[in-house]
PDB file of N, CA and C in Angstrom:
ATOM      1  N   MET A   1      80.464  31.238  28.443  1.00  0.00           N
ATOM      2  CA  MET A   1      79.453  31.345  27.308  1.00  0.00           C
ATOM      3  C   MET A   1      79.128  29.998  26.763  1.00  0.00           C
ATOM      4  N   LEU A   2      80.196  29.204  26.533  1.00  0.00           N
ATOM      5  CA  LEU A   2      80.027  27.853  26.017  1.00  0.00           C
ATOM      6  C   LEU A   2      79.303  26.963  27.056  1.00  0.00           C
ATOM      7  N   ALA A   3      79.656  27.051  28.301  1.00  0.00           N
ATOM      8  CA  ALA A   3      78.982  26.252  29.278  1.00  0.00           C
ATOM      9  C   ALA A   3      77.547  26.575  29.443  1.00  0.00           C
ATOM     10  N   LYS A   4      77.183  27.862  29.290  1.00  0.00           N
ATOM     11  CA  LYS A   4      75.826  28.195  29.330  1.00  0.00           C
ATOM     12  C   LYS A   4      75.033  27.668  28.136  1.00  0.00           C
ATOM     13  N   ALA A   5      75.612  27.740  27.032  1.00  0.00           N
ATOM     14  CA  ALA A   5      74.978  27.069  25.726  1.00  0.00           C
ATOM     15  C   ALA A   5      74.925  25.603  25.859  1.00  0.00           C
ATOM     16  N   ALA A   6      75.949  24.921  26.310  1.00  0.00           N
ATOM     17  CA  ALA A   6      75.942  23.468  26.527  1.00  0.00           C
ATOM     18  C   ALA A   6      74.911  23.091  27.493  1.00  0.00           C
ATOM     19  N   ALA A   7      74.544  23.864  28.468  1.00  0.00           N
ATOM     20  CA  ALA A   7      73.484  23.508  29.482  1.00  0.00           C
ATOM     21  C   ALA A   7      72.090  23.516  28.879  1.00  0.00           C
ATOM     22  N   CYS A   8      71.924  24.151  27.813  1.00  0.00           N
ATOM     23  CA  CYS A   8      70.489  24.223  27.279  1.00  0.00           C
ATOM     24  C   CYS A   8      70.395  23.521  25.865  1.00  0.00           C
ATOM     25  N   VAL A   9      71.437  22.867  25.443  1.00  0.00           N
ATOM     26  CA  VAL A   9      71.411  22.301  24.122  1.00  0.00           C
ATOM     27  C   VAL A   9      71.689  20.759  24.278  1.00  0.00           C
ATOM     28  N   PRO A  10      70.689  19.977  23.721  1.00  0.00           N
ATOM     29  CA  PRO A  10      70.927  18.498  23.744  1.00  0.00           C
ATOM     30  C   PRO A  10      72.008  18.214  22.631  1.00  0.00           C
ATOM     31  N   PHE A  11      72.605  17.004  22.804  1.00  0.00           N
ATOM     32  CA  PHE A  11      73.638  16.621  21.764  1.00  0.00           C
ATOM     33  C   PHE A  11      73.211  15.287  21.167  1.00  0.00           C
ATOM     34  N   MET A  12      73.585  15.123  19.909  1.00  0.00           N
ATOM     35  CA  MET A  12      73.441  13.878  19.202  1.00  0.00           C
ATOM     36  C   MET A  12      74.797  13.187  19.062  1.00  0.00           C
ATOM     37  N   SER A  13      74.844  11.926  19.325  1.00  0.00           N
ATOM     38  CA  SER A  13      76.159  11.222  19.165  1.00  0.00           C
ATOM     39  C   SER A  13      76.482  11.058  17.712  1.00  0.00           C
ATOM     40  N   MET A  14      77.729  10.865  17.457  1.00  0.00           N
ATOM     41  CA  MET A  14      78.199  10.660  16.115  1.00  0.00           C
ATOM     42  C   MET A  14      77.647   9.334  15.546  1.00  0.00           C
ATOM     43  N   THR A  15      77.530   8.345  16.350  1.00  0.00           N
ATOM     44  CA  THR A  15      76.972   7.032  15.912  1.00  0.00           C
ATOM     45  C   THR A  15      75.466   7.255  15.479  1.00  0.00           C
ATOM     46  N   GLU A  16      74.749   7.990  16.206  1.00  0.00           N
ATOM     47  CA  GLU A  16      73.375   8.160  15.840  1.00  0.00           C
ATOM     48  C   GLU A  16      73.264   8.988  14.578  1.00  0.00           C
ATOM     49  N   LEU A  17      74.066  10.069  14.412  1.00  0.00           N
ATOM     50  CA  LEU A  17      74.030  10.794  13.172  1.00  0.00           C
ATOM     51  C   LEU A  17      74.442   9.957  12.010  1.00  0.00           C
ATOM     52  N   ARG A  18      75.445   9.132  12.202  1.00  0.00           N
ATOM     53  CA  ARG A  18      75.940   8.338  11.008  1.00  0.00           C
ATOM     54  C   ARG A  18      74.850   7.361  10.629  1.00  0.00           C
ATOM     55  N   CYS A  19      74.168   6.840  11.563  1.00  0.00           N
ATOM     56  CA  CYS A  19      73.030   5.895  11.150  1.00  0.00           C
ATOM     57  C   CYS A  19      71.920   6.710  10.439  1.00  0.00           C
ATOM     58  N   ARG A  20      71.662   7.869  10.897  1.00  0.00           N
ATOM     59  CA  ARG A  20      70.620   8.731  10.276  1.00  0.00           C
ATOM     60  C   ARG A  20      71.057   9.149   8.900  1.00  0.00           C
ATOM     61  N   VAL A  21      72.322   9.493   8.678  1.00  0.00           N
ATOM     62  CA  VAL A  21      72.785   9.887   7.389  1.00  0.00           C
ATOM     63  C   VAL A  21      72.741   8.792   6.437  1.00  0.00           C
ATOM     64  N   GLU A  22      73.166   7.611   6.876  1.00  0.00           N
ATOM     65  CA  GLU A  22      73.114   6.432   6.027  1.00  0.00           C
ATOM     66  C   GLU A  22      71.624   6.016   5.650  1.00  0.00           C
ATOM     67  N   ALA A  23      70.722   6.211   6.510  1.00  0.00           N
ATOM     68  CA  ALA A  23      69.342   5.936   6.255  1.00  0.00           C
ATOM     69  C   ALA A  23      68.657   6.990   5.447  1.00  0.00           C
ATOM     70  N   ALA A  24      69.361   8.139   5.208  1.00  0.00           N
ATOM     71  CA  ALA A  24      68.831   9.270   4.455  1.00  0.00           C
ATOM     72  C   ALA A  24      67.443   9.704   4.908  1.00  0.00           C
ATOM     73  N   PRO A  25      67.352  10.021   6.234  1.00  0.00           N
ATOM     74  CA  PRO A  25      66.065  10.349   6.692  1.00  0.00           C
ATOM     75  C   PRO A  25      65.555  11.684   6.269  1.00  0.00           C
ATOM     76  N   ALA A  26      64.286  11.696   5.905  1.00  0.00           N
ATOM     77  CA  ALA A  26      63.651  12.985   5.546  1.00  0.00           C
ATOM     78  C   ALA A  26      63.423  13.723   6.851  1.00  0.00           C
ATOM     79  N   GLY A  27      63.487  14.989   6.812  1.00  0.00           N
ATOM     80  CA  GLY A  27      63.180  15.804   7.945  1.00  0.00           C
ATOM     81  C   GLY A  27      64.379  16.024   8.919  1.00  0.00           C
ATOM     82  N   LEU A  28      65.556  15.528   8.618  1.00  0.00           N
ATOM     83  CA  LEU A  28      66.721  15.914   9.441  1.00  0.00           C
ATOM     84  C   LEU A  28      67.667  16.765   8.655  1.00  0.00           C
ATOM     85  N   ILE A  29      67.894  17.936   9.144  1.00  0.00           N
ATOM     86  CA  ILE A  29      68.899  18.907   8.472  1.00  0.00           C
ATOM     87  C   ILE A  29      70.165  18.849   9.277  1.00  0.00           C
ATOM     88  N   VAL A  30      71.283  18.437   8.578  1.00  0.00           N
ATOM     89  CA  VAL A  30      72.583  18.561   9.187  1.00  0.00           C
ATOM     90  C   VAL A  30      73.161  19.952   8.781  1.00  0.00           C
ATOM     91  N   LEU A  31      73.373  20.775   9.676  1.00  0.00           N
ATOM     92  CA  LEU A  31      73.739  22.188   9.452  1.00  0.00           C
ATOM     93  C   LEU A  31      75.179  22.383   9.874  1.00  0.00           C
ATOM     94  N   ASP A  32      76.016  22.551   8.881  1.00  0.00           N
ATOM     95  CA  ASP A  32      77.417  22.784   9.077  1.00  0.00           C
ATOM     96  C   ASP A  32      77.686  24.286   9.254  1.00  0.00           C
ATOM     97  N   VAL A  33      78.112  24.656  10.432  1.00  0.00           N
ATOM     98  CA  VAL A  33      78.305  26.206  10.681  1.00  0.00           C
ATOM     99  C   VAL A  33      79.735  26.615  10.653  1.00  0.00           C
ATOM    100  N   ARG A  34      80.628  25.775   9.979  1.00  0.00           N
ATOM    101  CA  ARG A  34      81.909  26.307   9.758  1.00  0.00           C
ATOM    102  C   ARG A  34      81.965  27.149   8.638  1.00  0.00           C
ATOM    103  N   GLU A  35      83.160  27.734   8.283  1.00  0.00           N
ATOM    104  CA  GLU A  35      83.354  28.617   7.151  1.00  0.00           C
ATOM    105  C   GLU A  35      83.341  27.794   5.872  1.00  0.00           C
ATOM    106  N   ARG A  36      83.154  28.411   4.723  1.00  0.00           N
ATOM    107  CA  ARG A  36      82.992  27.698   3.408  1.00  0.00           C
ATOM    108  C   ARG A  36      84.262  26.840   3.073  1.00  0.00           C
ATOM    109  N   ASP A  37      85.442  27.365   3.359  1.00  0.00           N
ATOM    110  CA  ASP A  37      86.691  26.563   2.966  1.00  0.00           C
ATOM    111  C   ASP A  37      86.767  25.328   3.766  1.00  0.00           C
ATOM    112  N   ALA A  38      86.381  25.311   5.080  1.00  0.00           N
ATOM    113  CA  ALA A  38      86.358  24.095   5.840  1.00  0.00           C
ATOM    114  C   ALA A  38      85.291  23.133   5.365  1.00  0.00           C
ATOM    115  N   TYR A  39      84.121  23.648   5.060  1.00  0.00           N
ATOM    116  CA  TYR A  39      83.033  22.832   4.604  1.00  0.00           C
ATOM    117  C   TYR A  39      83.463  22.159   3.288  1.00  0.00           C
ATOM    118  N   GLU A  40      83.977  22.976   2.344  1.00  0.00           N
ATOM    119  CA  GLU A  40      84.428  22.348   1.073  1.00  0.00           C
ATOM    120  C   GLU A  40      85.500  21.383   1.159  1.00  0.00           C
ATOM    121  N   ALA A  41      86.332  21.491   2.141  1.00  0.00           N
ATOM    122  CA  ALA A  41      87.483  20.509   2.349  1.00  0.00           C
ATOM    123  C   ALA A  41      86.912  19.098   2.802  1.00  0.00           C
ATOM    124  N   GLY A  42      85.729  19.114   3.446  1.00  0.00           N
ATOM    125  CA  GLY A  42      85.178  17.902   3.857  1.00  0.00           C
ATOM    126  C   GLY A  42      84.023  18.062   4.824  1.00  0.00           C
ATOM    127  N   HIS A  43      82.880  17.566   4.497  1.00  0.00           N
ATOM    128  CA  HIS A  43      81.698  17.716   5.358  1.00  0.00           C
ATOM    129  C   HIS A  43      80.893  16.420   5.446  1.00  0.00           C
ATOM    130  N   ILE A  44      80.014  16.392   6.354  1.00  0.00           N
ATOM    131  CA  ILE A  44      79.090  15.153   6.512  1.00  0.00           C
ATOM    132  C   ILE A  44      78.264  15.130   5.303  1.00  0.00           C
ATOM    133  N   PRO A  45      78.113  13.941   4.628  1.00  0.00           N
ATOM    134  CA  PRO A  45      77.236  13.806   3.472  1.00  0.00           C
ATOM    135  C   PRO A  45      75.848  14.327   3.731  1.00  0.00           C
ATOM    136  N   GLY A  46      75.425  15.204   2.779  1.00  0.00           N
ATOM    137  CA  GLY A  46      74.086  15.887   2.897  1.00  0.00           C
ATOM    138  C   GLY A  46      74.063  17.166   3.692  1.00  0.00           C
ATOM    139  N   ALA A  47      75.093  17.471   4.412  1.00  0.00           N
ATOM    140  CA  ALA A  47      75.103  18.709   5.249  1.00  0.00           C
ATOM    141  C   ALA A  47      74.910  19.947   4.410  1.00  0.00           C
ATOM    142  N   ARG A  48      74.161  20.874   5.035  1.00  0.00           N
ATOM    143  CA  ARG A  48      74.034  22.207   4.453  1.00  0.00           C
ATOM    144  C   ARG A  48      74.959  23.132   5.149  1.00  0.00           C
ATOM    145  N   LEU A  49      75.495  24.175   4.340  1.00  0.00           N
ATOM    146  CA  LEU A  49      76.429  25.098   4.866  1.00  0.00           C
ATOM    147  C   LEU A  49      75.663  26.372   5.287  1.00  0.00           C
ATOM    148  N   LEU A  50      75.862  26.827   6.488  1.00  0.00           N
ATOM    149  CA  LEU A  50      75.365  28.130   6.959  1.00  0.00           C
ATOM    150  C   LEU A  50      76.305  28.561   8.039  1.00  0.00           C
ATOM    151  N   PRO A  51      77.394  29.221   7.640  1.00  0.00           N
ATOM    152  CA  PRO A  51      78.430  29.685   8.653  1.00  0.00           C
ATOM    153  C   PRO A  51      77.854  30.388   9.908  1.00  0.00           C
ATOM    154  N   ARG A  52      78.417  30.111  10.964  1.00  0.00           N
ATOM    155  CA  ARG A  52      77.886  30.700  12.296  1.00  0.00           C
ATOM    156  C   ARG A  52      77.852  32.206  12.199  1.00  0.00           C
ATOM    157  N   GLY A  53      78.775  32.855  11.567  1.00  0.00           N
ATOM    158  CA  GLY A  53      78.762  34.346  11.427  1.00  0.00           C
ATOM    159  C   GLY A  53      77.670  34.908  10.648  1.00  0.00           C
ATOM    160  N   GLN A  54      76.943  34.055   9.853  1.00  0.00           N
ATOM    161  CA  GLN A  54      75.864  34.493   9.054  1.00  0.00           C
ATOM    162  C   GLN A  54      74.519  33.928   9.546  1.00  0.00           C
ATOM    163  N   LEU A  55      74.469  33.231  10.587  1.00  0.00           N
ATOM    164  CA  LEU A  55      73.321  32.499  11.040  1.00  0.00           C
ATOM    165  C   LEU A  55      72.087  33.470  11.221  1.00  0.00           C
ATOM    166  N   GLU A  56      72.243  34.473  11.984  1.00  0.00           N
ATOM    167  CA  GLU A  56      71.084  35.366  12.228  1.00  0.00           C
ATOM    168  C   GLU A  56      70.628  36.070  10.977  1.00  0.00           C
ATOM    169  N   LEU A  57      71.558  36.365  10.115  1.00  0.00           N
ATOM    170  CA  LEU A  57      71.208  37.094   8.848  1.00  0.00           C
ATOM    171  C   LEU A  57      70.442  36.213   7.860  1.00  0.00           C
ATOM    172  N   ARG A  58      70.808  34.955   7.841  1.00  0.00           N
ATOM    173  CA  ARG A  58      70.282  34.072   6.739  1.00  0.00           C
ATOM    174  C   ARG A  58      69.240  33.051   7.217  1.00  0.00           C
ATOM    175  N   VAL A  59      69.039  32.922   8.625  1.00  0.00           N
ATOM    176  CA  VAL A  59      68.161  31.867   9.057  1.00  0.00           C
ATOM    177  C   VAL A  59      66.817  31.829   8.449  1.00  0.00           C
ATOM    178  N   ASN A  60      66.203  32.970   8.298  1.00  0.00           N
ATOM    179  CA  ASN A  60      64.755  32.915   7.762  1.00  0.00           C
ATOM    180  C   ASN A  60      64.759  32.448   6.336  1.00  0.00           C
ATOM    181  N   ASN A  61      65.765  32.722   5.553  1.00  0.00           N
ATOM    182  CA  ASN A  61      65.746  32.138   4.160  1.00  0.00           C
ATOM    183  C   ASN A  61      66.224  30.677   4.087  1.00  0.00           C
ATOM    184  N   GLU A  62      67.157  30.357   4.954  1.00  0.00           N
ATOM    185  CA  GLU A  62      67.804  29.087   4.897  1.00  0.00           C
ATOM    186  C   GLU A  62      66.985  28.002   5.699  1.00  0.00           C
ATOM    187  N   LEU A  63      66.322  28.382   6.780  1.00  0.00           N
ATOM    188  CA  LEU A  63      65.614  27.513   7.658  1.00  0.00           C
ATOM    189  C   LEU A  63      64.200  28.135   7.945  1.00  0.00           C
ATOM    190  N   PRO A  64      63.325  28.004   6.875  1.00  0.00           N
ATOM    191  CA  PRO A  64      62.016  28.631   7.148  1.00  0.00           C
ATOM    192  C   PRO A  64      61.132  27.970   8.129  1.00  0.00           C
ATOM    193  N   ASP A  65      61.358  26.581   8.390  1.00  0.00           N
ATOM    194  CA  ASP A  65      60.484  25.788   9.305  1.00  0.00           C
ATOM    195  C   ASP A  65      61.124  25.674  10.681  1.00  0.00           C
ATOM    196  N   PRO A  66      60.629  26.395  11.613  1.00  0.00           N
ATOM    197  CA  PRO A  66      61.130  26.368  12.978  1.00  0.00           C
ATOM    198  C   PRO A  66      60.876  25.013  13.669  1.00  0.00           C
ATOM    199  N   THR A  67      60.037  24.101  13.063  1.00  0.00           N
ATOM    200  CA  THR A  67      59.784  22.809  13.611  1.00  0.00           C
ATOM    201  C   THR A  67      60.721  21.767  13.142  1.00  0.00           C
ATOM    202  N   ALA A  68      61.581  22.090  12.225  1.00  0.00           N
ATOM    203  CA  ALA A  68      62.528  21.133  11.592  1.00  0.00           C
ATOM    204  C   ALA A  68      63.455  20.583  12.612  1.00  0.00           C
ATOM    205  N   ARG A  69      63.798  19.262  12.336  1.00  0.00           N
ATOM    206  CA  ARG A  69      64.834  18.601  13.255  1.00  0.00           C
ATOM    207  C   ARG A  69      66.172  18.948  12.684  1.00  0.00           C
ATOM    208  N   ILE A  70      67.077  19.656  13.462  1.00  0.00           N
ATOM    209  CA  ILE A  70      68.303  20.150  12.937  1.00  0.00           C
ATOM    210  C   ILE A  70      69.474  19.629  13.917  1.00  0.00           C
ATOM    211  N   VAL A  71      70.510  19.232  13.339  1.00  0.00           N
ATOM    212  CA  VAL A  71      71.724  18.929  14.104  1.00  0.00           C
ATOM    213  C   VAL A  71      72.874  19.866  13.545  1.00  0.00           C
ATOM    214  N   THR A  72      73.450  20.604  14.382  1.00  0.00           N
ATOM    215  CA  THR A  72      74.554  21.544  13.987  1.00  0.00           C
ATOM    216  C   THR A  72      75.930  20.887  14.182  1.00  0.00           C
ATOM    217  N   CYS A  73      76.803  21.243  13.311  1.00  0.00           N
ATOM    218  CA  CYS A  73      78.188  20.699  13.540  1.00  0.00           C
ATOM    219  C   CYS A  73      79.166  21.671  13.138  1.00  0.00           C
ATOM    220  N   CYS A  74      80.350  21.561  13.753  1.00  0.00           N
ATOM    221  CA  CYS A  74      81.498  22.429  13.456  1.00  0.00           C
ATOM    222  C   CYS A  74      82.737  21.583  13.688  1.00  0.00           C
ATOM    223  N   GLU A  75      83.857  22.175  13.795  1.00  0.00           N
ATOM    224  CA  GLU A  75      85.150  21.509  13.967  1.00  0.00           C
ATOM    225  C   GLU A  75      85.303  20.745  15.275  1.00  0.00           C
ATOM    226  N   PHE A  76      85.099  21.427  16.318  1.00  0.00           N
ATOM    227  CA  PHE A  76      85.217  20.835  17.822  1.00  0.00           C
ATOM    228  C   PHE A  76      84.070  20.807  18.542  1.00  0.00           C
ATOM    229  N   SER A  77      82.867  21.036  17.968  1.00  0.00           N
ATOM    230  CA  SER A  77      81.533  21.076  18.753  1.00  0.00           C
ATOM    231  C   SER A  77      81.347  22.221  19.648  1.00  0.00           C
ATOM    232  N   ARG A  78      82.176  23.267  19.522  1.00  0.00           N
ATOM    233  CA  ARG A  78      82.031  24.490  20.406  1.00  0.00           C
ATOM    234  C   ARG A  78      81.110  25.502  19.659  1.00  0.00           C
ATOM    235  N   ILE A  79      81.476  25.819  18.463  1.00  0.00           N
ATOM    236  CA  ILE A  79      80.700  26.812  17.728  1.00  0.00           C
ATOM    237  C   ILE A  79      79.320  26.326  17.372  1.00  0.00           C
ATOM    238  N   SER A  80      79.269  24.970  17.121  1.00  0.00           N
ATOM    239  CA  SER A  80      77.954  24.389  16.743  1.00  0.00           C
ATOM    240  C   SER A  80      77.023  24.372  18.015  1.00  0.00           C
ATOM    241  N   THR A  81      77.571  24.259  19.193  1.00  0.00           N
ATOM    242  CA  THR A  81      76.779  24.244  20.424  1.00  0.00           C
ATOM    243  C   THR A  81      76.219  25.692  20.546  1.00  0.00           C
ATOM    244  N   GLN A  82      77.088  26.709  20.275  1.00  0.00           N
ATOM    245  CA  GLN A  82      76.549  28.133  20.405  1.00  0.00           C
ATOM    246  C   GLN A  82      75.493  28.366  19.324  1.00  0.00           C
ATOM    247  N   ALA A  83      75.710  27.872  18.151  1.00  0.00           N
ATOM    248  CA  ALA A  83      74.720  28.006  17.071  1.00  0.00           C
ATOM    249  C   ALA A  83      73.486  27.406  17.422  1.00  0.00           C
ATOM    250  N   ALA A  84      73.494  26.078  17.968  1.00  0.00           N
ATOM    251  CA  ALA A  84      72.314  25.439  18.417  1.00  0.00           C
ATOM    252  C   ALA A  84      71.535  26.239  19.472  1.00  0.00           C
ATOM    253  N   ALA A  85      72.316  26.792  20.382  1.00  0.00           N
ATOM    254  CA  ALA A  85      71.685  27.587  21.469  1.00  0.00           C
ATOM    255  C   ALA A  85      70.986  28.886  20.920  1.00  0.00           C
ATOM    256  N   THR A  86      71.682  29.505  19.989  1.00  0.00           N
ATOM    257  CA  THR A  86      71.118  30.638  19.286  1.00  0.00           C
ATOM    258  C   THR A  86      69.799  30.240  18.503  1.00  0.00           C
ATOM    259  N   LEU A  87      69.818  29.105  17.848  1.00  0.00           N
ATOM    260  CA  LEU A  87      68.674  28.716  17.081  1.00  0.00           C
ATOM    261  C   LEU A  87      67.495  28.466  18.009  1.00  0.00           C
ATOM    262  N   ARG A  88      67.822  27.857  19.242  1.00  0.00           N
ATOM    263  CA  ARG A  88      66.759  27.510  20.166  1.00  0.00           C
ATOM    264  C   ARG A  88      66.118  28.880  20.697  1.00  0.00           C
ATOM    265  N   THR A  89      66.971  29.865  20.869  1.00  0.00           N
ATOM    266  CA  THR A  89      66.394  31.110  21.353  1.00  0.00           C
ATOM    267  C   THR A  89      65.548  31.847  20.230  1.00  0.00           C
ATOM    268  N   MET A  90      65.771  31.400  19.007  1.00  0.00           N
ATOM    269  CA  MET A  90      65.007  31.901  17.816  1.00  0.00           C
ATOM    270  C   MET A  90      63.782  31.096  17.635  1.00  0.00           C
ATOM    271  N   GLY A  91      63.533  30.043  18.417  1.00  0.00           N
ATOM    272  CA  GLY A  91      62.335  29.262  18.292  1.00  0.00           C
ATOM    273  C   GLY A  91      62.450  27.963  17.654  1.00  0.00           C
ATOM    274  N   PHE A  92      63.716  27.498  17.323  1.00  0.00           N
ATOM    275  CA  PHE A  92      64.011  26.161  16.754  1.00  0.00           C
ATOM    276  C   PHE A  92      64.201  25.223  17.902  1.00  0.00           C
ATOM    277  N   GLN A  93      63.124  24.681  18.488  1.00  0.00           N
ATOM    278  CA  GLN A  93      63.240  23.829  19.624  1.00  0.00           C
ATOM    279  C   GLN A  93      63.678  22.461  19.407  1.00  0.00           C
ATOM    280  N   ARG A  94      63.802  22.023  18.156  1.00  0.00           N
ATOM    281  CA  ARG A  94      64.214  20.658  17.812  1.00  0.00           C
ATOM    282  C   ARG A  94      65.670  20.618  17.401  1.00  0.00           C
ATOM    283  N   VAL A  95      66.477  21.586  17.682  1.00  0.00           N
ATOM    284  CA  VAL A  95      67.850  21.640  17.235  1.00  0.00           C
ATOM    285  C   VAL A  95      68.698  21.058  18.321  1.00  0.00           C
ATOM    286  N   VAL A  96      69.682  20.247  17.873  1.00  0.00           N
ATOM    287  CA  VAL A  96      70.693  19.616  18.726  1.00  0.00           C
ATOM    288  C   VAL A  96      72.081  19.940  18.117  1.00  0.00           C
ATOM    289  N   ALA A  97      73.171  19.711  18.869  1.00  0.00           N
ATOM    290  CA  ALA A  97      74.451  19.810  18.395  1.00  0.00           C
ATOM    291  C   ALA A  97      75.108  18.448  18.300  1.00  0.00           C
ATOM    292  N   LEU A  98      75.982  18.298  17.344  1.00  0.00           N
ATOM    293  CA  LEU A  98      76.746  17.036  17.215  1.00  0.00           C
ATOM    294  C   LEU A  98      77.806  16.943  18.265  1.00  0.00           C
ATOM    295  N   ASP A  99      77.807  15.905  19.060  1.00  0.00           N
ATOM    296  CA  ASP A  99      78.806  15.715  20.094  1.00  0.00           C
ATOM    297  C   ASP A  99      80.085  15.254  19.445  1.00  0.00           C
ATOM    298  N   GLY A 100      81.152  16.018  19.580  1.00  0.00           N
ATOM    299  CA  GLY A 100      82.519  15.755  19.118  1.00  0.00           C
ATOM    300  C   GLY A 100      82.923  16.540  17.886  1.00  0.00           C
ATOM    301  N   GLY A 101      82.015  16.955  17.074  1.00  0.00           N
ATOM    302  CA  GLY A 101      82.428  17.728  15.947  1.00  0.00           C
ATOM    303  C   GLY A 101      83.045  16.971  14.797  1.00  0.00           C
ATOM    304  N   MET A 102      83.407  17.733  13.770  1.00  0.00           N
ATOM    305  CA  MET A 102      84.053  17.101  12.578  1.00  0.00           C
ATOM    306  C   MET A 102      85.345  16.547  12.875  1.00  0.00           C
ATOM    307  N   LYS A 103      86.127  16.982  13.795  1.00  0.00           N
ATOM    308  CA  LYS A 103      87.427  16.449  14.092  1.00  0.00           C
ATOM    309  C   LYS A 103      87.269  15.016  14.528  1.00  0.00           C
ATOM    310  N   SER A 104      86.324  14.838  15.476  1.00  0.00           N
ATOM    311  CA  SER A 104      86.031  13.451  16.022  1.00  0.00           C
ATOM    312  C   SER A 104      85.372  12.618  14.879  1.00  0.00           C
ATOM    313  N   TRP A 105      84.570  13.147  14.023  1.00  0.00           N
ATOM    314  CA  TRP A 105      83.834  12.407  12.902  1.00  0.00           C
ATOM    315  C   TRP A 105      84.958  11.860  12.006  1.00  0.00           C
ATOM    316  N   LEU A 106      85.947  12.666  11.656  1.00  0.00           N
ATOM    317  CA  LEU A 106      86.998  12.288  10.819  1.00  0.00           C
ATOM    318  C   LEU A 106      87.886  11.233  11.505  1.00  0.00           C
ATOM    319  N   GLU A 107      88.225  11.465  12.673  1.00  0.00           N
ATOM    320  CA  GLU A 107      89.113  10.509  13.429  1.00  0.00           C
ATOM    321  C   GLU A 107      88.477   9.078  13.538  1.00  0.00           C
ATOM    322  N   THR A 108      87.165   9.126  13.605  1.00  0.00           N
ATOM    323  CA  THR A 108      86.424   7.796  13.718  1.00  0.00           C
ATOM    324  C   THR A 108      86.377   7.091  12.311  1.00  0.00           C
ATOM    325  N   GLY A 109      86.644   7.893  11.263  1.00  0.00           N
ATOM    326  CA  GLY A 109      86.666   7.268   9.972  1.00  0.00           C
ATOM    327  C   GLY A 109      85.291   7.323   9.255  1.00  0.00           C
ATOM    328  N   TYR A 110      84.335   8.141   9.809  1.00  0.00           N
ATOM    329  CA  TYR A 110      83.012   8.166   9.255  1.00  0.00           C
ATOM    330  C   TYR A 110      83.093   8.943   7.913  1.00  0.00           C
ATOM    331  N   PRO A 111      82.137   8.680   7.000  1.00  0.00           N
ATOM    332  CA  PRO A 111      82.162   9.273   5.616  1.00  0.00           C
ATOM    333  C   PRO A 111      82.144  10.797   5.605  1.00  0.00           C
ATOM    334  N   VAL A 112      82.808  11.354   4.595  1.00  0.00           N
ATOM    335  CA  VAL A 112      82.839  12.774   4.356  1.00  0.00           C
ATOM    336  C   VAL A 112      82.699  13.024   2.846  1.00  0.00           C
ATOM    337  N   ARG A 113      82.283  14.159   2.455  1.00  0.00           N
ATOM    338  CA  ARG A 113      82.183  14.608   1.127  1.00  0.00           C
ATOM    339  C   ARG A 113      82.973  15.893   0.989  1.00  0.00           C
ATOM    340  N   ALA A 114      83.694  16.100  -0.059  1.00  0.00           N
ATOM    341  CA  ALA A 114      84.373  17.316  -0.323  1.00  0.00           C
ATOM    342  C   ALA A 114      83.656  18.087  -1.506  1.00  0.00           C
ATOM    343  N   GLY A 115      83.771  19.296  -1.541  1.00  0.00           N
ATOM    344  CA  GLY A 115      83.216  20.076  -2.646  1.00  0.00           C
ATOM    345  C   GLY A 115      82.330  21.162  -2.179  1.00  0.00           C
ATOM    346  N   PRO A 116      81.807  22.009  -3.049  1.00  0.00           N
ATOM    347  CA  PRO A 116      81.109  23.224  -2.789  1.00  0.00           C
ATOM    348  C   PRO A 116      79.703  22.884  -2.202  1.00  0.00           C
ATOM    349  N   ALA A 117      79.188  23.848  -1.549  1.00  0.00           N
ATOM    350  CA  ALA A 117      77.727  23.667  -1.015  1.00  0.00           C
ATOM    351  C   ALA A 117      76.808  23.733  -2.281  1.00  0.00           C
ATOM    352  N   ALA A 118      75.800  22.962  -2.120  1.00  0.00           N
ATOM    353  CA  ALA A 118      74.745  22.843  -3.163  1.00  0.00           C
ATOM    354  C   ALA A 118      73.901  24.105  -3.318  1.00  0.00           C
TER     355      ALA A 118
END
């Protein structure tokens, strides 16, 4: 299942995402698909929380623009790859997954924010 999802989902490198986060680009949504407690413990600055288990239920309210540029992230880049594949089948053709996930992001020493979702 993961291999099938990875075959149809492009990936964004951590370096590219870090540059984009630091530049605060308009039009890029960082979508954290982990559970709330993991998100609150530390997430990419500016990331929005939408747990994978709630994606199909909340996508229309949380992501009303299917043309938006979205990068999904999770702990190890597995669930976010599946989330990106799901979003692509729902019409979000500009969605990509973060290559490496939060574990690699943290190991690299890139910035994180702790606290509740906005």
